[in-house]
Amino acid sequence: MLRHMEHDVGLQDLTVMEMDVFLAAHAATGKAGTAVTSDQIRGHELTSKLAQATYHRALRSLVAMGLLEMAQGYKTRHYVVRTDFANR
């Protein structure tokens, strides 16, 4: 069932690094719609050992795919997990 859900939303196409960054962002989100900082995501155990360039490339990719969104009211470094994923 989980694999089917991943397929439905396109998560099966993520690289391992993108998936780690996405899961770290999701874990750092206290509740749906809450902004998380790049430092919070970067500090998670899944992402803390990634090279900085790899981390930022994965983060940009997730934003480009629409899985993470730039948080309103901030110019940079604040992200929101798409609300349909944050509620899961």
C-alpha atoms as a PDB file:
ATOM      1  CA  MET A   1       0.000   0.000   0.000  1.00  0.00           C
ATOM      2  CA  LEU A   2       2.816   2.414   0.864  1.00  0.00           C
ATOM      3  CA  ARG A   3       4.518   1.772  -2.488  1.00  0.00           C
ATOM      4  CA  HIS A   4       1.205   2.459  -4.236  1.00  0.00           C
ATOM      5  CA  MET A   5       0.891   5.777  -2.383  1.00  0.00           C
ATOM      6  CA  GLU A   6       4.488   6.669  -3.318  1.00  0.00           C
ATOM      7  CA  HIS A   7       3.657   5.968  -6.948  1.00  0.00           C
ATOM      8  CA  ASP A   8       0.473   8.065  -6.813  1.00  0.00           C
ATOM      9  CA  VAL A   9       2.315  11.191  -5.671  1.00  0.00           C
ATOM     10  CA  GLY A  10       5.557  10.601  -7.566  1.00  0.00           C
ATOM     11  CA  LEU A  11       7.831   9.838  -4.645  1.00  0.00           C
ATOM     12  CA  GLN A  12       9.144   6.677  -6.309  1.00  0.00           C
ATOM     13  CA  ASP A  13      11.052   8.888  -8.775  1.00  0.00           C
ATOM     14  CA  LEU A  14      13.065  10.694  -6.087  1.00  0.00           C
ATOM     15  CA  THR A  15      16.747  10.013  -5.639  1.00  0.00           C
ATOM     16  CA  VAL A  16      17.884   8.702  -2.265  1.00  0.00           C
ATOM     17  CA  MET A  17      19.177  12.176  -1.351  1.00  0.00           C
ATOM     18  CA  GLU A  18      15.932  13.875  -2.397  1.00  0.00           C
ATOM     19  CA  MET A  19      13.923  11.361  -0.370  1.00  0.00           C
ATOM     20  CA  ASP A  20      16.136  11.927   2.688  1.00  0.00           C
ATOM     21  CA  VAL A  21      15.729  15.712   2.438  1.00  0.00           C
ATOM     22  CA  PHE A  22      11.969  15.370   1.928  1.00  0.00           C
ATOM     23  CA  LEU A  23      11.597  13.030   4.928  1.00  0.00           C
ATOM     24  CA  ALA A  24      13.766  15.306   7.086  1.00  0.00           C
ATOM     25  CA  ALA A  25      11.600  18.314   6.154  1.00  0.00           C
ATOM     26  CA  HIS A  26       8.464  16.329   6.905  1.00  0.00           C
ATOM     27  CA  ALA A  27       9.854  15.216  10.280  1.00  0.00           C
ATOM     28  CA  ALA A  28      10.785  18.801  11.183  1.00  0.00           C
ATOM     29  CA  THR A  29       7.252  20.017  10.442  1.00  0.00           C
ATOM     30  CA  GLY A  30       5.337  20.279  13.694  1.00  0.00           C
ATOM     31  CA  LYS A  31       1.949  20.609  12.013  1.00  0.00           C
ATOM     32  CA  ALA A  32       0.614  21.049   8.507  1.00  0.00           C
ATOM     33  CA  GLY A  33       1.590  24.353   6.946  1.00  0.00           C
ATOM     34  CA  THR A  34       4.344  25.110   9.451  1.00  0.00           C
ATOM     35  CA  ALA A  35       7.497  26.544   7.924  1.00  0.00           C
ATOM     36  CA  VAL A  36      10.795  24.785   8.586  1.00  0.00           C
ATOM     37  CA  THR A  37      14.192  26.327   8.088  1.00  0.00           C
ATOM     38  CA  SER A  38      16.926  24.979   5.918  1.00  0.00           C
ATOM     39  CA  ASP A  39      19.010  24.561   9.092  1.00  0.00           C
ATOM     40  CA  GLN A  40      16.303  22.407  10.698  1.00  0.00           C
ATOM     41  CA  ILE A  41      16.189  20.158   7.647  1.00  0.00           C
ATOM     42  CA  ARG A  42      19.971  20.088   7.371  1.00  0.00           C
ATOM     43  CA  GLY A  43      20.337  19.189  11.050  1.00  0.00           C
ATOM     44  CA  HIS A  44      18.207  16.047  10.786  1.00  0.00           C
ATOM     45  CA  GLU A  45      20.050  12.735  11.061  1.00  0.00           C
ATOM     46  CA  LEU A  46      19.032  11.778   7.502  1.00  0.00           C
ATOM     47  CA  THR A  47      20.658  14.854   5.992  1.00  0.00           C
ATOM     48  CA  SER A  48      23.398  15.913   8.390  1.00  0.00           C
ATOM     49  CA  LYS A  49      26.052  13.840   6.627  1.00  0.00           C
ATOM     50  CA  LEU A  50      25.170  14.887   3.073  1.00  0.00           C
ATOM     51  CA  ALA A  51      27.683  17.117   1.322  1.00  0.00           C
ATOM     52  CA  GLN A  52      26.441  20.693   1.316  1.00  0.00           C
ATOM     53  CA  ALA A  53      26.214  20.857  -2.487  1.00  0.00           C
ATOM     54  CA  THR A  54      24.290  17.572  -2.600  1.00  0.00           C
ATOM     55  CA  TYR A  55      21.898  18.786   0.097  1.00  0.00           C
ATOM     56  CA  HIS A  56      21.177  22.077  -1.681  1.00  0.00           C
ATOM     57  CA  ARG A  57      20.781  20.361  -5.052  1.00  0.00           C
ATOM     58  CA  ALA A  58      18.210  17.965  -3.545  1.00  0.00           C
ATOM     59  CA  LEU A  59      16.414  20.837  -1.792  1.00  0.00           C
ATOM     60  CA  ARG A  60      16.197  22.871  -5.013  1.00  0.00           C
ATOM     61  CA  SER A  61      14.963  19.811  -6.867  1.00  0.00           C
ATOM     62  CA  LEU A  62      12.171  19.220  -4.321  1.00  0.00           C
ATOM     63  CA  VAL A  63      11.079  22.853  -4.619  1.00  0.00           C
ATOM     64  CA  ALA A  64      11.123  22.601  -8.423  1.00  0.00           C
ATOM     65  CA  MET A  65       8.978  19.433  -8.253  1.00  0.00           C
ATOM     66  CA  GLY A  66       6.525  21.159  -5.915  1.00  0.00           C
ATOM     67  CA  LEU A  67       7.021  18.733  -3.024  1.00  0.00           C
ATOM     68  CA  LEU A  68       8.390  21.571  -0.907  1.00  0.00           C
ATOM     69  CA  GLU A  69       7.225  25.152  -1.237  1.00  0.00           C
ATOM     70  CA  MET A  70       8.864  28.409  -0.270  1.00  0.00           C
ATOM     71  CA  ALA A  71       7.218  29.653   2.924  1.00  0.00           C
ATOM     72  CA  GLN A  72       5.212  32.836   2.569  1.00  0.00           C
ATOM     73  CA  GLY A  73       6.613  35.849   4.366  1.00  0.00           C
ATOM     74  CA  TYR A  74      10.236  34.738   3.976  1.00  0.00           C
ATOM     75  CA  LYS A  75      12.616  35.440   1.122  1.00  0.00           C
ATOM     76  CA  THR A  76      14.819  32.393   1.594  1.00  0.00           C
ATOM     77  CA  ARG A  77      15.648  29.405   3.768  1.00  0.00           C
ATOM     78  CA  HIS A  78      12.095  28.686   4.951  1.00  0.00           C
ATOM     79  CA  TYR A  79      10.087  25.873   3.413  1.00  0.00           C
ATOM     80  CA  VAL A  80       6.709  24.233   3.818  1.00  0.00           C
ATOM     81  CA  VAL A  81       5.997  20.592   3.054  1.00  0.00           C
ATOM     82  CA  ARG A  82       3.070  20.517   0.662  1.00  0.00           C
ATOM     83  CA  THR A  83       0.021  20.284   2.918  1.00  0.00           C
ATOM     84  CA  ASP A  84      -1.332  17.133   1.298  1.00  0.00           C
ATOM     85  CA  PHE A  85       1.888  15.385   2.394  1.00  0.00           C
ATOM     86  CA  ALA A  86       2.166  17.029   5.810  1.00  0.00           C
ATOM     87  CA  ASN A  87      -1.201  15.582   6.842  1.00  0.00           C
ATOM     88  CA  ARG A  88      -0.081  11.977   6.302  1.00  0.00           C
END
